[in-house]
Amino acid sequence: MKFLIQLFKNNKEVIAYLFWGVLTTVVDLIVAFLLNQYTNVNIFWNTAIAWFASVLFAFFTNRKWVFHSKANTWQEVLTEMKSFTLGRVTSWILEEAIIWVGQTLMHGSFNVVKILAQILVIIFNYFWSKFIVFINHDK
């Protein structure tokens, strides 16, 4: 038990990142399902709106409860938001590239390639957020 407590203490940030990441996925799914159920929005826009909602949710939860941003002004918060969104767009492109290479060039199973892509995207997003987006703004 002592080992588990120490493991948690040493990895609070990663655990928080994974917890809020799961909830971000839930937000994406709920928005997509609600749009599909109650609107005539086509699949492209459904996915785009759900992605936007989940990225917005992820930004605010990561900012406050994962990386504990020290941004104090609207300009600093806006800079974080732009950088965060750029990272998420980049990770989306990375995922698409991994899937394309894995399926087209390597003839891999979609399920295996998709899981590998998701793992790499999660790692990329964590480090992007930690070292580029949510930096200490204290002078």
N, C-alpha and C. Protein backbone atom coordinates (compact mmCIF):
# COMPACT_ATOMS: atom_id res chain seq x y z
N MET A 1 0.83 -1.20 0.00
CA MET A 1 0.00 0.00 0.00
C MET A 1 0.87 1.25 0.00
N LYS A 2 1.93 1.23 0.79
CA LYS A 2 2.85 2.36 0.86
C LYS A 2 3.45 2.65 -0.51
N PHE A 3 3.76 1.57 -1.23
CA PHE A 3 4.31 1.69 -2.58
C PHE A 3 3.32 2.41 -3.51
N LEU A 4 2.05 2.05 -3.43
CA LEU A 4 1.02 2.67 -4.28
C LEU A 4 0.86 4.15 -3.97
N ILE A 5 0.88 4.49 -2.70
CA ILE A 5 0.77 5.89 -2.30
C ILE A 5 1.95 6.69 -2.84
N GLN A 6 3.14 6.14 -2.72
CA GLN A 6 4.33 6.81 -3.22
C GLN A 6 4.29 6.92 -4.75
N LEU A 7 3.83 5.87 -5.41
CA LEU A 7 3.69 5.87 -6.86
C LEU A 7 2.73 6.97 -7.30
N PHE A 8 1.62 7.11 -6.60
CA PHE A 8 0.65 8.17 -6.90
C PHE A 8 1.28 9.55 -6.69
N LYS A 9 1.95 9.74 -5.57
CA LYS A 9 2.57 11.04 -5.27
C LYS A 9 3.60 11.43 -6.33
N ASN A 10 4.35 10.45 -6.79
CA ASN A 10 5.40 10.71 -7.78
C ASN A 10 4.85 10.95 -9.19
N ASN A 11 3.61 10.56 -9.42
CA ASN A 11 3.04 10.63 -10.77
C ASN A 11 1.71 11.37 -10.81
N LYS A 12 1.48 12.28 -9.89
CA LYS A 12 0.19 12.99 -9.83
C LYS A 12 -0.16 13.69 -11.14
N GLU A 13 0.83 14.33 -11.74
CA GLU A 13 0.56 15.08 -12.97
C GLU A 13 0.13 14.15 -14.11
N VAL A 14 0.82 13.05 -14.28
CA VAL A 14 0.49 12.10 -15.35
C VAL A 14 -0.88 11.48 -15.08
N ILE A 15 -1.16 11.12 -13.84
CA ILE A 15 -2.46 10.55 -13.49
C ILE A 15 -3.57 11.56 -13.75
N ALA A 16 -3.35 12.81 -13.37
CA ALA A 16 -4.35 13.86 -13.62
C ALA A 16 -4.55 14.04 -15.13
N TYR A 17 -3.44 14.01 -15.89
CA TYR A 17 -3.52 14.16 -17.35
C TYR A 17 -4.36 13.03 -17.95
N LEU A 18 -4.14 11.81 -17.51
CA LEU A 18 -4.90 10.67 -18.03
C LEU A 18 -6.37 10.74 -17.60
N PHE A 19 -6.62 11.14 -16.35
CA PHE A 19 -8.00 11.28 -15.87
C PHE A 19 -8.77 12.29 -16.71
N TRP A 20 -8.20 13.49 -16.88
CA TRP A 20 -8.90 14.53 -17.65
C TRP A 20 -8.94 14.16 -19.13
N GLY A 21 -7.98 13.38 -19.59
CA GLY A 21 -8.00 12.90 -20.97
C GLY A 21 -9.18 11.98 -21.23
N VAL A 22 -9.46 11.11 -20.28
CA VAL A 22 -10.63 10.23 -20.41
C VAL A 22 -11.91 11.07 -20.45
N LEU A 23 -12.00 12.06 -19.57
CA LEU A 23 -13.19 12.92 -19.57
C LEU A 23 -13.29 13.74 -20.85
N THR A 24 -12.14 14.13 -21.41
CA THR A 24 -12.13 14.84 -22.70
C THR A 24 -12.72 13.96 -23.79
N THR A 25 -12.37 12.69 -23.77
CA THR A 25 -12.93 11.74 -24.73
C THR A 25 -14.44 11.60 -24.54
N VAL A 26 -14.88 11.59 -23.31
CA VAL A 26 -16.32 11.51 -23.01
C VAL A 26 -17.03 12.75 -23.57
N VAL A 27 -16.44 13.93 -23.38
CA VAL A 27 -17.03 15.16 -23.93
C VAL A 27 -17.16 15.05 -25.45
N ASP A 28 -16.09 14.60 -26.10
CA ASP A 28 -16.12 14.43 -27.55
C ASP A 28 -17.25 13.50 -27.97
N LEU A 29 -17.37 12.38 -27.31
CA LEU A 29 -18.40 11.40 -27.67
C LEU A 29 -19.81 11.93 -27.41
N ILE A 30 -20.01 12.57 -26.28
CA ILE A 30 -21.34 13.10 -25.94
C ILE A 30 -21.77 14.16 -26.96
N VAL A 31 -20.87 15.09 -27.27
CA VAL A 31 -21.21 16.13 -28.25
C VAL A 31 -21.53 15.49 -29.60
N ALA A 32 -20.70 14.56 -30.04
CA ALA A 32 -20.93 13.89 -31.33
C ALA A 32 -22.26 13.14 -31.34
N PHE A 33 -22.54 12.40 -30.27
CA PHE A 33 -23.77 11.63 -30.20
C PHE A 33 -25.00 12.55 -30.16
N LEU A 34 -24.92 13.63 -29.38
CA LEU A 34 -26.05 14.56 -29.30
C LEU A 34 -26.29 15.25 -30.64
N LEU A 35 -25.22 15.68 -31.30
CA LEU A 35 -25.38 16.30 -32.61
C LEU A 35 -25.98 15.31 -33.61
N ASN A 36 -25.54 14.08 -33.54
CA ASN A 36 -26.06 13.06 -34.45
C ASN A 36 -27.53 12.77 -34.18
N GLN A 37 -27.88 12.76 -32.90
CA GLN A 37 -29.25 12.43 -32.52
C GLN A 37 -30.24 13.57 -32.77
N TYR A 38 -29.83 14.81 -32.53
CA TYR A 38 -30.78 15.92 -32.51
C TYR A 38 -30.60 16.98 -33.58
N THR A 39 -29.64 16.81 -34.47
CA THR A 39 -29.45 17.79 -35.54
C THR A 39 -29.26 17.09 -36.87
N ASN A 40 -29.24 17.89 -37.92
CA ASN A 40 -28.96 17.37 -39.25
C ASN A 40 -27.54 17.66 -39.70
N VAL A 41 -26.66 17.95 -38.75
CA VAL A 41 -25.27 18.26 -39.06
C VAL A 41 -24.62 17.02 -39.69
N ASN A 42 -23.91 17.24 -40.82
CA ASN A 42 -23.27 16.08 -41.46
C ASN A 42 -22.10 15.59 -40.62
N ILE A 43 -21.59 14.42 -40.96
CA ILE A 43 -20.56 13.75 -40.17
C ILE A 43 -19.29 14.59 -40.04
N PHE A 44 -18.87 15.25 -41.11
CA PHE A 44 -17.66 16.07 -41.05
C PHE A 44 -17.81 17.16 -39.99
N TRP A 45 -18.91 17.92 -40.06
CA TRP A 45 -19.11 19.01 -39.10
C TRP A 45 -19.40 18.48 -37.70
N ASN A 46 -20.06 17.36 -37.62
CA ASN A 46 -20.30 16.72 -36.32
C ASN A 46 -18.97 16.45 -35.64
N THR A 47 -18.06 15.82 -36.37
CA THR A 47 -16.75 15.48 -35.82
C THR A 47 -15.95 16.74 -35.49
N ALA A 48 -16.01 17.74 -36.36
CA ALA A 48 -15.27 18.98 -36.14
C ALA A 48 -15.77 19.71 -34.88
N ILE A 49 -17.08 19.78 -34.71
CA ILE A 49 -17.66 20.45 -33.55
C ILE A 49 -17.32 19.68 -32.27
N ALA A 50 -17.42 18.37 -32.32
CA ALA A 50 -17.09 17.54 -31.15
C ALA A 50 -15.60 17.68 -30.81
N TRP A 51 -14.73 17.71 -31.83
CA TRP A 51 -13.30 17.89 -31.60
C TRP A 51 -13.04 19.25 -30.94
N PHE A 52 -13.67 20.29 -31.47
CA PHE A 52 -13.49 21.64 -30.93
C PHE A 52 -13.94 21.69 -29.46
N ALA A 53 -15.09 21.11 -29.16
CA ALA A 53 -15.60 21.11 -27.78
C ALA A 53 -14.65 20.36 -26.86
N SER A 54 -14.13 19.24 -27.32
CA SER A 54 -13.24 18.45 -26.47
C SER A 54 -11.88 19.14 -26.28
N VAL A 55 -11.38 19.81 -27.31
CA VAL A 55 -10.12 20.55 -27.17
C VAL A 55 -10.30 21.71 -26.20
N LEU A 56 -11.42 22.41 -26.28
CA LEU A 56 -11.70 23.51 -25.36
C LEU A 56 -11.78 22.99 -23.92
N PHE A 57 -12.48 21.89 -23.74
CA PHE A 57 -12.58 21.26 -22.41
C PHE A 57 -11.18 20.85 -21.92
N ALA A 58 -10.41 20.22 -22.78
CA ALA A 58 -9.06 19.77 -22.41
C ALA A 58 -8.17 20.95 -22.05
N PHE A 59 -8.29 22.04 -22.80
CA PHE A 59 -7.45 23.21 -22.50
C PHE A 59 -7.69 23.70 -21.08
N PHE A 60 -8.95 23.92 -20.73
CA PHE A 60 -9.23 24.48 -19.41
C PHE A 60 -8.93 23.51 -18.27
N THR A 61 -9.21 22.22 -18.47
CA THR A 61 -8.91 21.27 -17.40
C THR A 61 -7.41 21.05 -17.25
N ASN A 62 -6.70 20.95 -18.37
CA ASN A 62 -5.24 20.79 -18.31
C ASN A 62 -4.59 22.02 -17.70
N ARG A 63 -5.10 23.18 -18.08
CA ARG A 63 -4.55 24.45 -17.60
C ARG A 63 -4.65 24.55 -16.08
N LYS A 64 -5.81 24.20 -15.56
CA LYS A 64 -6.06 24.38 -14.13
C LYS A 64 -5.61 23.20 -13.28
N TRP A 65 -5.99 21.98 -13.65
CA TRP A 65 -5.82 20.84 -12.76
C TRP A 65 -4.67 19.89 -13.10
N VAL A 66 -4.06 20.06 -14.26
CA VAL A 66 -2.93 19.19 -14.59
C VAL A 66 -1.62 19.95 -14.47
N PHE A 67 -1.52 21.06 -15.20
CA PHE A 67 -0.26 21.79 -15.28
C PHE A 67 -0.22 23.05 -14.41
N HIS A 68 -1.34 23.38 -13.79
CA HIS A 68 -1.42 24.51 -12.85
C HIS A 68 -0.77 25.77 -13.42
N SER A 69 -1.31 26.21 -14.54
CA SER A 69 -0.77 27.37 -15.25
C SER A 69 -0.69 28.59 -14.35
N LYS A 70 0.37 29.34 -14.57
CA LYS A 70 0.58 30.58 -13.82
C LYS A 70 0.25 31.82 -14.67
N ALA A 71 -0.35 31.61 -15.83
CA ALA A 71 -0.71 32.74 -16.69
C ALA A 71 -1.65 33.67 -15.92
N ASN A 72 -1.32 34.96 -15.94
CA ASN A 72 -2.09 35.92 -15.15
C ASN A 72 -2.92 36.88 -15.99
N THR A 73 -2.55 37.07 -17.24
CA THR A 73 -3.27 38.04 -18.06
C THR A 73 -4.03 37.32 -19.17
N TRP A 74 -5.01 38.02 -19.73
CA TRP A 74 -5.77 37.45 -20.85
C TRP A 74 -4.85 37.15 -22.03
N GLN A 75 -3.86 37.99 -22.23
CA GLN A 75 -2.91 37.79 -23.33
C GLN A 75 -2.12 36.49 -23.13
N GLU A 76 -1.69 36.23 -21.91
CA GLU A 76 -0.97 34.98 -21.63
C GLU A 76 -1.87 33.77 -21.80
N VAL A 77 -3.11 33.87 -21.33
CA VAL A 77 -4.06 32.77 -21.48
C VAL A 77 -4.35 32.53 -22.96
N LEU A 78 -4.54 33.60 -23.71
CA LEU A 78 -4.79 33.46 -25.15
C LEU A 78 -3.58 32.84 -25.86
N THR A 79 -2.39 33.21 -25.45
CA THR A 79 -1.17 32.61 -26.01
C THR A 79 -1.14 31.12 -25.71
N GLU A 80 -1.47 30.74 -24.48
CA GLU A 80 -1.55 29.32 -24.13
C GLU A 80 -2.59 28.60 -24.98
N MET A 81 -3.75 29.24 -25.14
CA MET A 81 -4.83 28.61 -25.90
C MET A 81 -4.42 28.38 -27.36
N LYS A 82 -3.78 29.37 -27.95
CA LYS A 82 -3.33 29.22 -29.34
C LYS A 82 -2.31 28.09 -29.46
N SER A 83 -1.35 28.08 -28.55
CA SER A 83 -0.32 27.06 -28.57
C SER A 83 -0.91 25.67 -28.33
N PHE A 84 -1.84 25.57 -27.40
CA PHE A 84 -2.50 24.30 -27.09
C PHE A 84 -3.24 23.79 -28.33
N THR A 85 -4.00 24.68 -28.97
CA THR A 85 -4.75 24.30 -30.17
C THR A 85 -3.81 23.89 -31.29
N LEU A 86 -2.72 24.62 -31.47
CA LEU A 86 -1.72 24.25 -32.48
C LEU A 86 -1.17 22.86 -32.21
N GLY A 87 -0.90 22.57 -30.95
CA GLY A 87 -0.42 21.23 -30.59
C GLY A 87 -1.44 20.16 -30.90
N ARG A 88 -2.71 20.43 -30.63
CA ARG A 88 -3.75 19.44 -30.90
C ARG A 88 -3.97 19.24 -32.40
N VAL A 89 -3.87 20.30 -33.18
CA VAL A 89 -3.97 20.16 -34.64
C VAL A 89 -2.77 19.35 -35.14
N THR A 90 -1.60 19.65 -34.61
CA THR A 90 -0.39 18.92 -34.99
C THR A 90 -0.52 17.44 -34.63
N SER A 91 -1.05 17.14 -33.46
CA SER A 91 -1.19 15.74 -33.07
C SER A 91 -2.24 15.03 -33.91
N TRP A 92 -3.25 15.75 -34.36
CA TRP A 92 -4.24 15.16 -35.28
C TRP A 92 -3.56 14.79 -36.60
N ILE A 93 -2.73 15.69 -37.12
CA ILE A 93 -1.99 15.42 -38.36
C ILE A 93 -1.03 14.25 -38.14
N LEU A 94 -0.36 14.22 -36.99
CA LEU A 94 0.53 13.11 -36.65
C LEU A 94 -0.24 11.79 -36.64
N GLU A 95 -1.40 11.79 -36.03
CA GLU A 95 -2.21 10.57 -35.98
C GLU A 95 -2.58 10.12 -37.39
N GLU A 96 -3.03 11.05 -38.20
CA GLU A 96 -3.40 10.70 -39.58
C GLU A 96 -2.21 10.14 -40.33
N ALA A 97 -1.04 10.74 -40.15
CA ALA A 97 0.18 10.26 -40.84
C ALA A 97 0.56 8.86 -40.37
N ILE A 98 0.49 8.63 -39.07
CA ILE A 98 0.83 7.30 -38.54
C ILE A 98 -0.13 6.25 -39.09
N ILE A 99 -1.40 6.58 -39.11
CA ILE A 99 -2.39 5.63 -39.63
C ILE A 99 -2.16 5.38 -41.11
N TRP A 100 -1.89 6.43 -41.87
CA TRP A 100 -1.64 6.26 -43.30
C TRP A 100 -0.42 5.38 -43.54
N VAL A 101 0.68 5.67 -42.85
CA VAL A 101 1.90 4.88 -43.02
C VAL A 101 1.66 3.43 -42.57
N GLY A 102 1.04 3.28 -41.42
CA GLY A 102 0.79 1.95 -40.87
C GLY A 102 -0.08 1.09 -41.75
N GLN A 103 -1.07 1.70 -42.37
CA GLN A 103 -1.99 0.92 -43.21
C GLN A 103 -1.52 0.83 -44.65
N THR A 104 -1.12 1.95 -45.22
CA THR A 104 -0.79 1.99 -46.64
C THR A 104 0.58 1.39 -46.94
N LEU A 105 1.59 1.80 -46.20
CA LEU A 105 2.95 1.35 -46.50
C LEU A 105 3.32 0.05 -45.79
N MET A 106 2.80 -0.12 -44.58
CA MET A 106 3.18 -1.30 -43.80
C MET A 106 2.08 -2.37 -43.78
N HIS A 107 0.92 -2.05 -44.33
CA HIS A 107 -0.20 -2.99 -44.41
C HIS A 107 -0.60 -3.57 -43.05
N GLY A 108 -0.54 -2.71 -42.04
CA GLY A 108 -0.89 -3.13 -40.69
C GLY A 108 -2.38 -3.16 -40.46
N SER A 109 -2.78 -3.83 -39.42
CA SER A 109 -4.18 -3.87 -39.01
C SER A 109 -4.60 -2.49 -38.54
N PHE A 110 -5.76 -2.02 -38.98
CA PHE A 110 -6.23 -0.70 -38.58
C PHE A 110 -6.30 -0.58 -37.06
N ASN A 111 -6.82 -1.60 -36.40
CA ASN A 111 -6.98 -1.54 -34.95
C ASN A 111 -5.63 -1.37 -34.24
N VAL A 112 -4.63 -2.12 -34.67
CA VAL A 112 -3.31 -2.03 -34.06
C VAL A 112 -2.69 -0.67 -34.35
N VAL A 113 -2.79 -0.24 -35.60
CA VAL A 113 -2.21 1.04 -36.01
C VAL A 113 -2.90 2.19 -35.27
N LYS A 114 -4.21 2.14 -35.15
CA LYS A 114 -4.97 3.19 -34.46
C LYS A 114 -4.56 3.27 -32.98
N ILE A 115 -4.42 2.14 -32.34
CA ILE A 115 -4.01 2.12 -30.93
C ILE A 115 -2.60 2.69 -30.79
N LEU A 116 -1.68 2.27 -31.64
CA LEU A 116 -0.32 2.80 -31.62
C LEU A 116 -0.34 4.31 -31.84
N ALA A 117 -1.12 4.77 -32.81
CA ALA A 117 -1.22 6.20 -33.09
C ALA A 117 -1.75 6.95 -31.87
N GLN A 118 -2.76 6.41 -31.21
CA GLN A 118 -3.33 7.07 -30.04
C GLN A 118 -2.31 7.17 -28.90
N ILE A 119 -1.54 6.12 -28.70
CA ILE A 119 -0.52 6.14 -27.66
C ILE A 119 0.51 7.24 -27.95
N LEU A 120 0.97 7.31 -29.19
CA LEU A 120 1.95 8.33 -29.56
C LEU A 120 1.38 9.74 -29.47
N VAL A 121 0.11 9.90 -29.82
CA VAL A 121 -0.55 11.20 -29.74
C VAL A 121 -0.70 11.64 -28.28
N ILE A 122 -1.07 10.72 -27.42
CA ILE A 122 -1.21 11.05 -26.00
C ILE A 122 0.14 11.51 -25.44
N ILE A 123 1.19 10.80 -25.77
CA ILE A 123 2.53 11.17 -25.31
C ILE A 123 2.93 12.53 -25.88
N PHE A 124 2.72 12.71 -27.18
CA PHE A 124 3.03 14.00 -27.81
C PHE A 124 2.27 15.13 -27.14
N ASN A 125 0.96 14.97 -26.95
CA ASN A 125 0.14 16.03 -26.34
C ASN A 125 0.59 16.36 -24.92
N TYR A 126 0.97 15.35 -24.16
CA TYR A 126 1.43 15.58 -22.79
C TYR A 126 2.69 16.46 -22.80
N PHE A 127 3.67 16.06 -23.58
CA PHE A 127 4.93 16.81 -23.59
C PHE A 127 4.77 18.19 -24.23
N TRP A 128 3.93 18.31 -25.24
CA TRP A 128 3.65 19.62 -25.85
C TRP A 128 3.05 20.55 -24.78
N SER A 129 2.06 20.03 -24.07
CA SER A 129 1.41 20.85 -23.04
C SER A 129 2.36 21.21 -21.91
N LYS A 130 3.15 20.24 -21.49
CA LYS A 130 4.03 20.45 -20.34
C LYS A 130 5.17 21.42 -20.66
N PHE A 131 5.78 21.29 -21.83
CA PHE A 131 7.00 22.05 -22.11
C PHE A 131 6.82 23.23 -23.06
N ILE A 132 5.66 23.32 -23.71
CA ILE A 132 5.46 24.42 -24.65
C ILE A 132 4.29 25.31 -24.24
N VAL A 133 3.18 24.71 -23.85
CA VAL A 133 1.97 25.49 -23.60
C VAL A 133 1.95 26.08 -22.19
N PHE A 134 1.97 25.23 -21.19
CA PHE A 134 1.75 25.67 -19.81
C PHE A 134 3.07 25.88 -19.09
N ILE A 135 3.77 26.90 -19.53
CA ILE A 135 5.05 27.24 -18.91
C ILE A 135 4.80 28.28 -17.83
N ASN A 136 5.73 28.41 -16.95
CA ASN A 136 5.61 29.37 -15.85
C ASN A 136 5.77 30.79 -16.40
N HIS A 137 4.75 31.61 -16.23
CA HIS A 137 4.77 32.98 -16.73
C HIS A 137 5.28 33.98 -15.70
N ASP A 138 5.60 33.49 -14.49
CA ASP A 138 6.12 34.41 -13.47
C ASP A 138 7.45 34.98 -13.94
N LYS A 139 7.61 36.27 -13.79
CA LYS A 139 8.85 36.94 -14.20
C LYS A 139 9.88 36.84 -13.11
